[in-house]
Amino acid sequence: MTLRLLKMLLRGLLNTFVVLLWIGTVWIVLEHYLSRESCVVLPNGYMIGYPNIFGPEDEGLVEMILRDPSGEVLVRADDVYLERVPGKPDQVKVIYRGGAMEMDGTKMMPLIWDDHSSRWHDGRKWNEPDPDDPGSVGILSTSFWSIYLWLRRSNEFETVSCGTPWFDWGDSTRRYCAPGDCQ
């Protein structure tokens, strides 16, 4: 009798473990999917998102996809450079491999600048020139991934489902570029 009870108890524990393991796996996959399938909408309507849900990535380098407002992929890029637009104090110019775009920076740039500037900038605002180099339009060099994280964390920017593919098997020679921008 005790042996039968022990077997039933062990079988119940094993079944519970299998169910919890299955639920945990589904939870992890769902959380990973939900964290990578959406794009952050920039002030000009363009979107930044991950290139895939699952797949290889270069260690330490997270390339992101830039999409136009219709969802078409323009570029797969990592490093970007942010500049002030002369004569337009609230505009920011984002320069990336293969192109550049201007947009309103009043909502986006304080989030990026405040986080970034706490490390090595003085107390000036993002659209104020460097007093040591007043003719410079440069703001900072960063990445689309960092911009994506800053804007997503803020919860002040819309996120939309942008059709991120499940897999990208790491064709490292493939790059998405606007027509005429890639060789």
Protein backbone atom coordinates (compact mmCIF):
# COMPACT_ATOMS: atom_id res chain seq x y z
CA MET A 1 0.00 0.00 0.00
CA THR A 2 2.76 2.47 0.91
CA LEU A 3 4.69 1.58 -2.27
CA ARG A 4 1.60 2.21 -4.43
CA LEU A 5 1.03 5.56 -2.71
CA LEU A 6 4.68 6.51 -3.21
CA LYS A 7 4.48 5.61 -6.95
CA MET A 8 1.33 7.72 -7.36
CA LEU A 9 2.98 10.62 -5.57
CA LEU A 10 6.12 10.41 -7.74
CA ARG A 11 4.02 10.12 -10.92
CA GLY A 12 2.05 13.21 -9.86
CA LEU A 13 5.24 15.14 -9.13
CA LEU A 14 6.72 14.13 -12.49
CA ASN A 15 3.56 15.18 -14.32
CA THR A 16 3.54 18.50 -12.46
CA PHE A 17 7.20 19.05 -13.33
CA VAL A 18 6.56 18.32 -17.03
CA VAL A 19 3.58 20.68 -17.11
CA LEU A 20 5.55 23.46 -15.36
CA LEU A 21 8.50 22.93 -17.72
CA TRP A 22 6.17 23.18 -20.74
CA ILE A 23 4.47 26.32 -19.38
CA GLY A 24 7.86 27.90 -18.61
CA THR A 25 9.15 27.16 -22.12
CA VAL A 26 6.03 28.62 -23.74
CA TRP A 27 6.32 31.68 -21.48
CA ILE A 28 9.97 32.27 -22.42
CA VAL A 29 9.29 31.89 -26.16
CA LEU A 30 6.25 34.18 -25.96
CA GLU A 31 8.14 36.81 -23.97
CA HIS A 32 11.04 36.68 -26.45
CA TYR A 33 8.64 36.98 -29.38
CA LEU A 34 6.75 39.90 -27.86
CA SER A 35 9.96 41.75 -26.99
CA ARG A 36 11.34 41.50 -30.53
CA GLU A 37 8.35 41.57 -32.89
CA SER A 38 7.47 45.20 -32.41
CA CYS A 39 8.97 48.37 -33.81
CA VAL A 40 9.26 51.75 -32.14
CA VAL A 41 7.74 54.53 -34.24
CA LEU A 42 10.03 57.55 -34.57
CA PRO A 43 8.64 61.12 -34.67
CA ASN A 44 8.78 61.16 -38.49
CA GLY A 45 6.80 57.90 -38.80
CA TYR A 46 9.81 55.70 -39.58
CA MET A 47 10.23 52.60 -37.43
CA ILE A 48 13.14 50.80 -35.76
CA GLY A 49 12.91 47.10 -34.96
CA TYR A 50 14.85 43.86 -34.70
CA PRO A 51 15.77 42.01 -37.91
CA ASN A 52 14.40 38.69 -36.59
CA ILE A 53 12.76 36.97 -33.67
CA PHE A 54 15.21 34.05 -33.48
CA GLY A 55 18.53 33.62 -35.21
CA PRO A 56 22.22 34.32 -34.96
CA GLU A 57 23.55 37.72 -34.04
CA ASP A 58 27.10 38.95 -33.96
CA GLU A 59 28.33 39.03 -30.40
CA GLY A 60 28.22 42.56 -29.03
CA LEU A 61 26.60 43.95 -32.20
CA VAL A 62 22.86 44.25 -32.58
CA GLU A 63 21.87 45.47 -36.01
CA MET A 64 18.39 46.89 -36.27
CA ILE A 65 16.05 47.36 -39.20
CA LEU A 66 14.89 50.84 -40.22
CA ARG A 67 11.50 50.82 -41.96
CA ASP A 68 9.69 53.63 -43.72
CA PRO A 69 6.14 54.55 -42.59
CA SER A 70 4.64 51.98 -44.97
CA GLY A 71 6.73 49.21 -43.36
CA GLU A 72 9.23 48.75 -46.19
CA VAL A 73 12.71 47.88 -44.98
CA LEU A 74 15.19 50.64 -45.83
CA VAL A 75 18.39 49.61 -44.12
CA ARG A 76 19.87 47.15 -41.70
CA ALA A 77 22.24 49.24 -39.63
CA ASP A 78 23.99 49.47 -36.32
CA ASP A 79 25.91 52.73 -35.84
CA VAL A 80 24.19 56.07 -36.35
CA TYR A 81 25.28 59.65 -35.88
CA LEU A 82 22.97 62.37 -34.57
CA GLU A 83 23.39 66.01 -35.62
CA ARG A 84 21.66 69.31 -34.99
CA VAL A 85 20.00 70.87 -38.02
CA PRO A 86 21.33 74.44 -38.50
CA GLY A 87 18.54 77.01 -38.26
CA LYS A 88 16.06 74.43 -36.92
CA PRO A 89 16.71 74.08 -33.18
CA ASP A 90 14.06 71.40 -32.60
CA GLN A 91 15.11 69.17 -35.53
CA VAL A 92 17.61 66.32 -35.37
CA LYS A 93 19.34 64.65 -38.30
CA VAL A 94 19.96 60.89 -38.04
CA ILE A 95 22.77 59.72 -40.31
CA TYR A 96 23.03 55.97 -40.94
CA ARG A 97 24.81 53.76 -43.44
CA GLY A 98 23.18 54.49 -46.76
CA GLY A 99 21.22 57.60 -45.85
CA ALA A 100 19.99 60.24 -43.48
CA MET A 101 16.68 61.63 -42.25
CA GLU A 102 15.50 64.63 -40.29
CA MET A 103 12.80 64.62 -37.67
CA ASP A 104 11.43 66.57 -34.75
CA GLY A 105 13.68 65.97 -31.76
CA THR A 106 11.70 67.70 -29.01
CA LYS A 107 10.30 64.49 -27.53
CA MET A 108 12.95 61.94 -28.53
CA MET A 109 16.23 63.74 -27.98
CA PRO A 110 15.81 64.68 -24.31
CA LEU A 111 15.36 60.98 -23.50
CA ILE A 112 18.50 60.03 -25.39
CA TRP A 113 20.53 63.06 -24.34
CA ASP A 114 19.67 62.85 -20.63
CA ASP A 115 20.67 59.19 -20.45
CA HIS A 116 23.73 59.64 -22.64
CA SER A 117 24.84 63.01 -21.25
CA SER A 118 24.86 61.90 -17.66
CA ARG A 119 28.10 60.11 -18.50
CA TRP A 120 30.27 62.77 -20.11
CA HIS A 121 28.47 65.95 -21.20
CA ASP A 122 28.12 69.17 -19.28
CA GLY A 123 24.72 70.57 -18.30
CA ARG A 124 23.73 71.82 -21.77
CA LYS A 125 20.71 70.63 -23.74
CA TRP A 126 20.90 68.36 -26.78
CA ASN A 127 20.26 71.20 -29.23
CA GLU A 128 22.84 73.56 -27.73
CA PRO A 129 26.24 73.61 -29.43
CA ASP A 130 29.37 72.57 -27.61
CA PRO A 131 30.91 75.76 -26.15
CA ASP A 132 34.37 74.46 -27.07
CA ASP A 133 33.29 73.96 -30.72
CA PRO A 134 30.32 76.29 -31.41
CA GLY A 135 30.30 75.60 -35.18
CA SER A 136 29.87 71.86 -34.73
CA VAL A 137 26.47 70.30 -35.47
CA GLY A 138 27.36 66.89 -34.03
CA ILE A 139 25.37 65.63 -31.06
CA LEU A 140 26.53 62.08 -30.50
CA SER A 141 27.35 58.75 -32.08
CA THR A 142 25.16 55.83 -30.98
CA SER A 143 23.25 52.92 -32.48
CA PHE A 144 19.71 52.22 -33.62
CA TRP A 145 19.61 49.51 -30.94
CA SER A 146 20.35 52.07 -28.20
CA ILE A 147 17.77 54.48 -29.60
CA TYR A 148 15.24 51.63 -29.76
CA LEU A 149 15.88 50.72 -26.10
CA TRP A 150 15.75 54.34 -24.85
CA LEU A 151 12.48 55.04 -26.66
CA ARG A 152 10.87 51.71 -25.80
CA ARG A 153 11.74 52.05 -22.10
CA SER A 154 10.23 55.52 -21.96
CA ASN A 155 6.73 54.28 -22.93
CA GLU A 156 6.24 57.66 -24.62
CA PHE A 157 6.59 56.30 -28.15
CA GLU A 158 4.15 54.13 -30.03
CA THR A 159 5.17 50.55 -30.69
CA VAL A 160 3.59 48.62 -33.53
CA SER A 161 3.84 45.10 -34.86
CA CYS A 162 6.08 45.44 -37.89
CA GLY A 163 6.21 41.97 -39.42
CA THR A 164 9.54 40.90 -37.97
CA PRO A 165 10.45 37.52 -39.50
CA TRP A 166 10.87 34.55 -37.16
CA PHE A 167 14.29 33.55 -38.49
CA ASP A 168 17.23 35.17 -40.25
CA TRP A 169 19.94 32.59 -40.68
CA GLY A 170 22.78 35.08 -40.61
CA ASP A 171 23.52 35.85 -44.23
CA SER A 172 26.11 38.41 -43.16
CA THR A 173 26.58 39.69 -46.71
CA ARG A 174 22.93 40.69 -47.05
CA ARG A 175 22.17 44.29 -46.22
CA TYR A 176 18.94 46.18 -46.67
CA CYS A 177 19.49 49.55 -48.31
CA ALA A 178 17.45 52.21 -49.98
CA PRO A 179 17.61 51.96 -53.80
CA GLY A 180 20.95 53.22 -55.09
CA ASP A 181 22.56 53.38 -51.64
CA CYS A 182 24.31 50.00 -51.61
CA GLN A 183 26.94 48.59 -53.94
